[in-house]
Amino acid sequence: MSSAVREVTVELGARSYPIRIGSGLLSDFDGFAAAMRGAMHGRHVLIVSEEHVAPLYAASLQYLLQRYDAHLNTALFTLPAGEAHKTLDSVARIFAALAELKASRDATIIALGGGVIGDLAGFAAACWMRGIACVQMPTTLLAMVDSSVGGKTGVDLPQGKNLVGAFHQPRAVIADTYTLATLPDRELRAGFAEVIKYAALGDAEFFAWLETNANALLASDPDVLAECIARCCTQKAGIVARDETERGERALLNFGHTFGHALETVCGYGNLLHGEAVAIGMCLAAQLSSRLGMSPDTDTQRLHDLLIRFGLPTAIPAGTNADALLAAMKLDKKNASGRIRLILWRGVGRAEIAEGVDEAAIREVLGKSS
């Protein structure tokens, strides 16, 4: 398996953009320049990062930007880390930084960090002067395989996760897998929940590949890791190209997320990492599918076992209120006409949209998993 940089393209006509995946992209000028070509047009660039990531990589990024174009006017804006800061107040602070930079309509925001930073920076880019360029530079596995690709941006409210947001595609995604070496083990494992999601919802062959390569992935083998990320991005790029604004097929990418978002809301943002909540959510979706006669118990067990191998939780935290979870699920933005809309499955690799699922069945699964 080659250690060369992988490139995936999100095909959206004139708005198509590259995803470059490989180790050392934030220290390789030629690779950086190739990825940035056509992504920026003006001279104002705001790097949005967070307190743990900025000290590690912001200086290198600023050096690359100055080498790329000595006339760029760049600034760094840093936010506190964590889902608890994915708020409208944080977006307002990014707006203030853009104003201080005197950023015009041809400015660019670069999101340097994990999924929270990507969502915040992308949403700010969607709103500033009705839309400016955004480049995603994810530094977590979860962001590399999922949130940096596809243009979903947004913030949380106390009532629920990602309730305010916009679709705003990036101009480029640069995923330097070297940054994963500094990622805490818990964060890395949480990212594998989103990896497993792709396999579970639509690629049984990839699911088997993950079962075979779990040890190499957990050891951060660079080639296996890059192959894994590229496979996820290829799957997502295809879905986004066919259904950019989630009118149909793209909803399948939410497998485990309706349960997961409810868990994050009820348990308190940050107490469960997003990937951990999604892992539990996928188990709940699989259990519900089995209870409804849609899927075999053996596939539910395979999913459970794979999540356990990656050190991920599979059950609702003890003491979590099932009624509160159900109430949060009813506010999920994927619902229609007040009816809960879930992504369930027929087994590994065969997810589907389920409308109007019986609340009693949902409540029973919630009660038995806590």
Protein backbone atom coordinates (compact mmCIF):
# COMPACT_ATOMS: atom_id res chain seq x y z
CA MET A 1 0.00 0.00 0.00
CA SER A 2 1.50 3.34 -1.08
CA SER A 3 2.20 6.09 1.42
CA ALA A 4 1.44 8.70 -1.24
CA VAL A 5 -1.08 11.45 -0.56
CA ARG A 6 -4.64 10.37 -1.29
CA GLU A 7 -6.95 12.82 -3.03
CA VAL A 8 -10.72 12.63 -3.21
CA THR A 9 -12.88 15.14 -5.08
CA VAL A 10 -16.34 16.26 -4.02
CA GLU A 11 -18.03 16.70 -7.40
CA LEU A 12 -20.36 19.71 -7.26
CA GLY A 13 -19.84 21.27 -10.68
CA ALA A 14 -18.25 24.70 -10.42
CA ARG A 15 -18.14 24.28 -6.62
CA SER A 16 -16.20 20.99 -6.66
CA TYR A 17 -13.30 20.80 -4.23
CA PRO A 18 -10.41 18.49 -3.32
CA ILE A 19 -9.84 16.53 -0.13
CA ARG A 20 -6.13 15.83 0.34
CA ILE A 21 -5.18 13.17 2.89
CA GLY A 22 -1.66 12.35 4.00
CA SER A 23 1.01 12.78 6.65
CA GLY A 24 2.94 16.05 6.81
CA LEU A 25 0.65 18.19 4.62
CA LEU A 26 1.00 21.11 7.06
CA SER A 27 4.78 21.03 6.64
CA ASP A 28 4.95 20.29 2.91
CA PHE A 29 4.73 23.52 0.92
CA ASP A 30 4.24 21.93 -2.49
CA GLY A 31 1.35 19.78 -1.22
CA PHE A 32 -0.15 22.71 0.62
CA ALA A 33 0.09 24.95 -2.44
CA ALA A 34 -1.52 22.29 -4.63
CA ALA A 35 -4.46 21.98 -2.23
CA MET A 36 -4.90 25.73 -1.82
CA ARG A 37 -4.75 26.58 -5.51
CA GLY A 38 -8.05 28.20 -6.36
CA ALA A 39 -9.29 28.09 -2.76
CA MET A 40 -8.39 31.68 -1.90
CA HIS A 41 -8.88 34.85 -3.94
CA GLY A 42 -8.54 37.82 -1.59
CA ARG A 43 -5.80 38.96 0.75
CA HIS A 44 -7.54 38.56 4.13
CA VAL A 45 -7.27 35.20 5.89
CA LEU A 46 -8.58 34.43 9.36
CA ILE A 47 -7.35 31.19 10.93
CA VAL A 48 -9.91 29.95 13.46
CA SER A 49 -8.53 27.39 15.89
CA GLU A 50 -8.79 26.29 19.52
CA GLU A 51 -6.56 26.52 22.55
CA HIS A 52 -4.99 23.05 22.31
CA VAL A 53 -4.46 22.96 18.54
CA ALA A 54 -3.25 26.49 17.79
CA PRO A 55 0.03 26.22 19.77
CA LEU A 56 0.90 23.05 17.84
CA TYR A 57 0.12 23.96 14.24
CA ALA A 58 -0.90 27.61 13.76
CA ALA A 59 2.64 28.94 13.33
CA SER A 60 3.42 26.36 10.62
CA LEU A 61 0.19 27.23 8.83
CA GLN A 62 0.92 30.97 8.99
CA TYR A 63 4.40 30.34 7.57
CA LEU A 64 2.94 28.32 4.68
CA LEU A 65 0.39 31.04 3.95
CA GLN A 66 3.05 33.76 3.84
CA ARG A 67 5.21 31.63 1.59
CA TYR A 68 2.20 30.91 -0.62
CA ASP A 69 1.42 34.63 -0.95
CA ALA A 70 3.55 37.27 0.79
CA HIS A 71 0.77 39.84 0.38
CA LEU A 72 -1.75 37.95 2.51
CA ASN A 73 -3.01 39.69 5.63
CA THR A 74 -3.48 36.85 8.11
CA ALA A 75 -4.74 36.71 11.67
CA LEU A 76 -5.25 33.93 14.19
CA PHE A 77 -8.35 33.68 16.35
CA THR A 78 -8.43 31.06 19.09
CA LEU A 79 -11.44 29.72 20.98
CA PRO A 80 -11.67 27.52 24.10
CA ALA A 81 -11.84 23.80 23.36
CA GLY A 82 -14.97 21.68 23.58
CA GLU A 83 -18.54 21.23 22.43
CA ALA A 84 -19.75 23.55 25.20
CA HIS A 85 -18.30 26.46 23.19
CA LYS A 86 -20.10 25.61 19.95
CA THR A 87 -22.48 28.51 20.45
CA LEU A 88 -23.79 31.64 18.78
CA ASP A 89 -21.62 33.65 21.16
CA SER A 90 -18.50 31.99 19.73
CA VAL A 91 -19.68 32.79 16.20
CA ALA A 92 -20.18 36.41 17.23
CA ARG A 93 -16.58 36.48 18.46
CA ILE A 94 -15.40 35.17 15.08
CA PHE A 95 -17.40 37.94 13.40
CA ALA A 96 -15.64 40.48 15.62
CA ALA A 97 -12.26 39.06 14.59
CA LEU A 98 -13.25 39.31 10.92
CA ALA A 99 -14.29 42.93 11.42
CA GLU A 100 -10.99 43.73 13.15
CA LEU A 101 -9.17 42.16 10.19
CA LYS A 102 -11.30 44.32 7.87
CA ALA A 103 -12.21 41.17 6.00
CA SER A 104 -14.07 41.79 2.75
CA ARG A 105 -16.24 39.52 0.62
CA ASP A 106 -13.18 37.86 -0.91
CA ALA A 107 -11.73 36.91 2.49
CA THR A 108 -11.08 33.31 3.56
CA ILE A 109 -11.60 31.54 6.86
CA ILE A 110 -9.39 28.54 7.60
CA ALA A 111 -10.75 26.10 10.19
CA LEU A 112 -7.81 24.52 12.00
CA GLY A 113 -9.09 22.01 14.52
CA GLY A 114 -11.71 19.37 15.14
CA GLY A 115 -15.39 19.19 14.35
CA VAL A 116 -16.42 22.00 16.70
CA ILE A 117 -14.00 24.45 15.10
CA GLY A 118 -14.96 23.28 11.62
CA ASP A 119 -18.66 23.79 12.30
CA LEU A 120 -18.16 27.21 13.93
CA ALA A 121 -15.75 28.53 11.31
CA GLY A 122 -17.85 27.18 8.46
CA PHE A 123 -21.00 28.78 9.85
CA ALA A 124 -19.22 32.11 10.30
CA ALA A 125 -17.97 31.87 6.71
CA ALA A 126 -21.52 31.18 5.51
CA CYS A 127 -22.81 34.29 7.25
CA TRP A 128 -20.04 36.91 6.91
CA MET A 129 -21.09 39.29 4.13
CA ARG A 130 -23.52 36.55 3.02
CA GLY A 131 -20.79 34.02 2.40
CA ILE A 132 -17.01 33.91 2.08
CA ALA A 133 -14.54 31.15 1.30
CA CYS A 134 -13.76 28.50 3.89
CA VAL A 135 -10.93 25.95 3.93
CA GLN A 136 -11.17 23.02 6.34
CA MET A 137 -7.97 21.72 7.96
CA PRO A 138 -9.22 19.01 10.34
CA THR A 139 -6.93 17.81 13.12
CA THR A 140 -9.13 15.04 14.56
CA LEU A 141 -10.10 11.74 13.00
CA LEU A 142 -13.78 12.49 13.39
CA ALA A 143 -13.44 15.77 11.52
CA MET A 144 -11.28 14.21 8.80
CA VAL A 145 -13.75 11.47 7.94
CA ASP A 146 -16.97 13.37 8.49
CA SER A 147 -17.59 16.92 9.63
CA SER A 148 -15.00 18.69 7.43
CA VAL A 149 -16.57 17.24 4.26
CA GLY A 150 -19.96 18.12 2.84
CA GLY A 151 -20.63 21.68 3.94
CA LYS A 152 -22.76 21.16 7.04
CA THR A 153 -22.06 23.95 9.51
CA GLY A 154 -23.81 25.06 12.67
CA VAL A 155 -24.01 25.66 16.38
CA ASP A 156 -25.79 24.11 19.34
CA LEU A 157 -28.57 25.54 21.47
CA PRO A 158 -29.45 24.44 25.02
CA GLN A 159 -32.50 22.72 23.49
CA GLY A 160 -30.54 20.63 21.02
CA LYS A 161 -27.46 20.05 18.90
CA ASN A 162 -26.85 21.78 15.55
CA LEU A 163 -30.27 23.44 15.52
CA VAL A 164 -28.87 26.61 13.91
CA GLY A 165 -26.72 26.25 10.83
CA ALA A 166 -26.26 26.44 7.08
CA PHE A 167 -24.95 24.41 4.16
CA HIS A 168 -21.69 26.05 3.09
CA GLN A 169 -19.21 23.95 1.14
CA PRO A 170 -15.49 24.47 1.76
CA ARG A 171 -13.11 25.35 -1.07
CA ALA A 172 -10.67 22.63 0.01
CA VAL A 173 -10.09 20.08 2.77
CA ILE A 174 -6.54 19.34 3.90
CA ALA A 175 -6.30 16.38 6.29
CA ASP A 176 -2.79 16.04 7.69
CA THR A 177 -2.80 12.68 9.44
CA TYR A 178 0.37 13.63 11.31
CA THR A 179 -1.82 15.77 13.57
CA LEU A 180 -3.51 12.62 14.88
CA ALA A 181 -0.28 11.76 16.71
CA THR A 182 -1.05 14.54 19.21
CA LEU A 183 -4.71 13.60 19.59
CA PRO A 184 -5.70 12.19 23.00
CA ASP A 185 -6.51 8.48 22.82
CA ARG A 186 -10.15 9.04 23.79
CA GLU A 187 -10.60 11.54 20.93
CA LEU A 188 -9.00 9.17 18.43
CA ARG A 189 -11.26 6.31 19.47
CA ALA A 190 -14.31 8.58 19.27
CA GLY A 191 -13.39 9.31 15.66
CA PHE A 192 -13.55 5.63 14.81
CA ALA A 193 -17.27 5.70 15.64
CA GLU A 194 -17.85 7.80 12.52
CA VAL A 195 -15.60 5.47 10.52
CA ILE A 196 -17.65 2.47 11.62
CA LYS A 197 -20.82 4.40 10.77
CA TYR A 198 -19.84 4.59 7.09
CA ALA A 199 -19.30 0.85 6.92
CA ALA A 200 -22.46 0.06 8.87
CA LEU A 201 -24.77 2.19 6.77
CA GLY A 202 -23.61 1.33 3.28
CA ASP A 203 -20.48 -0.78 2.82
CA ALA A 204 -20.41 -4.32 4.19
CA GLU A 205 -17.01 -4.94 2.56
CA PHE A 206 -15.55 -1.95 4.42
CA PHE A 207 -17.09 -3.26 7.64
CA ALA A 208 -15.21 -6.54 7.19
CA TRP A 209 -12.05 -4.58 6.33
CA LEU A 210 -12.37 -2.70 9.65
CA GLU A 211 -12.78 -5.99 11.52
CA THR A 212 -9.55 -7.23 9.90
CA ASN A 213 -7.56 -4.00 10.32
CA ALA A 214 -8.75 -2.82 13.74
CA ASN A 215 -5.40 -3.44 15.43
CA ALA A 216 -3.43 -1.57 12.75
CA LEU A 217 -5.84 1.35 12.93
CA LEU A 218 -5.62 1.55 16.72
CA ALA A 219 -1.81 1.51 16.39
CA SER A 220 -2.12 4.46 13.96
CA ASP A 221 -0.38 2.67 11.09
CA PRO A 222 -0.05 5.64 8.69
CA ASP A 223 -0.88 3.81 5.47
CA VAL A 224 -3.83 1.90 6.89
CA LEU A 225 -5.11 5.06 8.55
CA ALA A 226 -4.86 7.10 5.34
CA GLU A 227 -6.63 4.32 3.41
CA CYS A 228 -9.39 4.28 6.03
CA ILE A 229 -9.90 8.04 5.89
CA ALA A 230 -9.88 8.05 2.08
CA ARG A 231 -12.52 5.30 1.95
CA CYS A 232 -14.78 7.27 4.29
CA CYS A 233 -14.28 10.50 2.36
CA THR A 234 -14.93 8.77 -0.97
CA GLN A 235 -18.21 7.39 0.33
CA LYS A 236 -19.29 10.73 1.74
CA ALA A 237 -18.20 12.67 -1.34
CA GLY A 238 -20.39 10.47 -3.52
CA ILE A 239 -23.42 10.90 -1.28
CA VAL A 240 -22.95 14.68 -1.01
CA ALA A 241 -22.61 14.99 -4.79
CA ARG A 242 -25.93 13.18 -5.24
CA ASP A 243 -27.80 14.89 -2.38
CA GLU A 244 -26.03 18.03 -1.22
CA THR A 245 -28.74 19.45 1.06
CA GLU A 246 -30.03 16.20 2.54
CA ARG A 247 -33.33 15.77 0.73
CA GLY A 248 -32.94 12.01 0.58
CA GLU A 249 -29.90 9.73 0.54
CA ARG A 250 -27.65 12.02 2.59
CA ALA A 251 -29.89 11.46 5.60
CA LEU A 252 -28.41 7.95 5.80
CA LEU A 253 -25.19 9.56 7.09
CA ASN A 254 -27.12 10.25 10.28
CA PHE A 255 -27.16 6.58 11.27
CA GLY A 256 -26.95 6.64 15.08
CA HIS A 257 -27.14 10.42 15.22
CA THR A 258 -30.74 11.00 16.32
CA PHE A 259 -30.12 8.90 19.41
CA GLY A 260 -26.59 10.29 19.70
CA HIS A 261 -27.54 13.96 19.55
CA ALA A 262 -30.23 13.36 22.18
CA LEU A 263 -27.64 11.75 24.43
CA GLU A 264 -25.29 14.72 24.03
CA THR A 265 -28.09 17.14 24.87
CA VAL A 266 -29.41 15.25 27.90
CA CYS A 267 -26.03 14.20 29.30
CA GLY A 268 -24.58 17.69 28.82
CA TYR A 269 -22.34 18.79 25.95
CA GLY A 270 -18.83 17.51 26.52
CA ASN A 271 -19.64 14.76 29.03
CA LEU A 272 -20.03 12.36 26.12
CA LEU A 273 -17.84 13.01 23.09
CA HIS A 274 -19.79 13.18 19.84
CA GLY A 275 -18.29 9.94 18.56
CA GLU A 276 -19.07 8.17 21.83
CA ALA A 277 -22.69 9.31 21.61
CA VAL A 278 -22.88 8.15 17.98
CA ALA A 279 -21.47 4.75 18.96
CA ILE A 280 -24.23 4.29 21.53
CA GLY A 281 -26.76 5.68 19.04
CA MET A 282 -25.79 3.14 16.39
CA CYS A 283 -26.24 0.31 18.89
CA LEU A 284 -29.67 1.66 19.80
CA ALA A 285 -30.64 1.98 16.13
CA ALA A 286 -29.49 -1.59 15.49
CA GLN A 287 -31.35 -2.90 18.55
CA LEU A 288 -34.51 -1.08 17.46
CA SER A 289 -34.17 -2.43 13.92
CA SER A 290 -33.89 -5.95 15.30
CA ARG A 291 -36.88 -5.42 17.62
CA LEU A 292 -38.95 -4.24 14.63
CA GLY A 293 -37.99 -7.35 12.66
CA MET A 294 -35.90 -5.42 10.14
CA SER A 295 -32.48 -6.93 10.81
CA PRO A 296 -30.82 -10.03 12.27
CA ASP A 297 -29.53 -10.07 15.83
CA THR A 298 -26.21 -11.40 14.53
CA ASP A 299 -25.51 -8.10 12.73
CA THR A 300 -26.39 -6.13 15.86
CA GLN A 301 -23.82 -8.25 17.69
CA ARG A 302 -21.18 -7.66 14.99
CA LEU A 303 -21.66 -3.91 15.34
CA HIS A 304 -21.49 -4.11 19.12
CA ASP A 305 -18.32 -6.21 19.00
CA LEU A 306 -16.55 -3.89 16.54
CA LEU A 307 -17.35 -0.82 18.64
CA ILE A 308 -16.02 -2.60 21.73
CA ARG A 309 -12.78 -3.43 19.87
CA PHE A 310 -12.27 0.30 19.30
CA GLY A 311 -12.91 1.04 22.97
CA LEU A 312 -16.25 2.76 22.39
CA PRO A 313 -19.32 2.75 24.65
CA THR A 314 -22.36 0.78 23.54
CA ALA A 315 -24.99 1.51 26.22
CA ILE A 316 -26.74 4.59 27.58
CA PRO A 317 -24.97 5.94 30.70
CA ALA A 318 -26.61 4.72 33.90
CA GLY A 319 -29.20 7.07 35.31
CA THR A 320 -30.02 8.79 32.00
CA ASN A 321 -33.72 9.60 31.81
CA ALA A 322 -35.44 7.83 28.90
CA ASP A 323 -38.26 10.38 28.76
CA ALA A 324 -35.75 13.23 28.45
CA LEU A 325 -33.99 11.39 25.63
CA LEU A 326 -37.26 10.86 23.77
CA ALA A 327 -38.17 14.53 24.19
CA ALA A 328 -34.80 15.56 22.76
CA MET A 329 -35.24 13.17 19.85
CA LYS A 330 -38.55 14.83 19.01
CA LEU A 331 -36.71 18.13 18.49
CA ASP A 332 -34.19 16.60 16.09
CA LYS A 333 -34.00 18.62 12.86
CA LYS A 334 -34.41 15.51 10.70
CA ASN A 335 -37.98 15.03 11.89
CA ALA A 336 -40.95 16.04 9.74
CA SER A 337 -44.45 17.10 10.81
CA GLY A 338 -43.70 16.25 14.43
CA ARG A 339 -42.96 12.60 13.64
CA ILE A 340 -39.64 11.04 14.65
CA ARG A 341 -37.55 10.13 11.62
CA LEU A 342 -34.81 7.59 12.22
CA ILE A 343 -32.09 5.92 10.22
CA LEU A 344 -32.42 2.18 10.86
CA TRP A 345 -30.92 -0.78 9.00
CA ARG A 346 -31.59 -4.17 7.45
CA GLY A 347 -28.18 -5.33 8.65
CA VAL A 348 -24.56 -4.41 8.02
CA GLY A 349 -24.26 -2.12 5.00
CA ARG A 350 -28.00 -1.64 4.49
CA ALA A 351 -29.30 1.48 6.25
CA GLU A 352 -32.61 3.11 5.35
CA ILE A 353 -34.84 6.00 6.39
CA ALA A 354 -37.68 4.99 8.72
CA GLU A 355 -40.64 7.34 9.10
CA GLY A 356 -43.09 7.36 11.99
CA VAL A 357 -41.42 4.70 14.12
CA ASP A 358 -43.62 3.62 17.02
CA GLU A 359 -42.69 5.64 20.11
CA ALA A 360 -43.38 2.71 22.40
CA ALA A 361 -40.73 0.66 20.62
CA ILE A 362 -38.24 3.55 20.87
CA ARG A 363 -39.00 4.02 24.56
CA GLU A 364 -38.53 0.29 25.20
CA VAL A 365 -35.06 0.34 23.58
CA LEU A 366 -34.11 3.46 25.53
CA GLY A 367 -35.24 1.92 28.78
CA LYS A 368 -33.48 -1.41 28.26
CA SER A 369 -30.13 0.14 27.25
CA SER A 370 -29.73 2.48 30.23
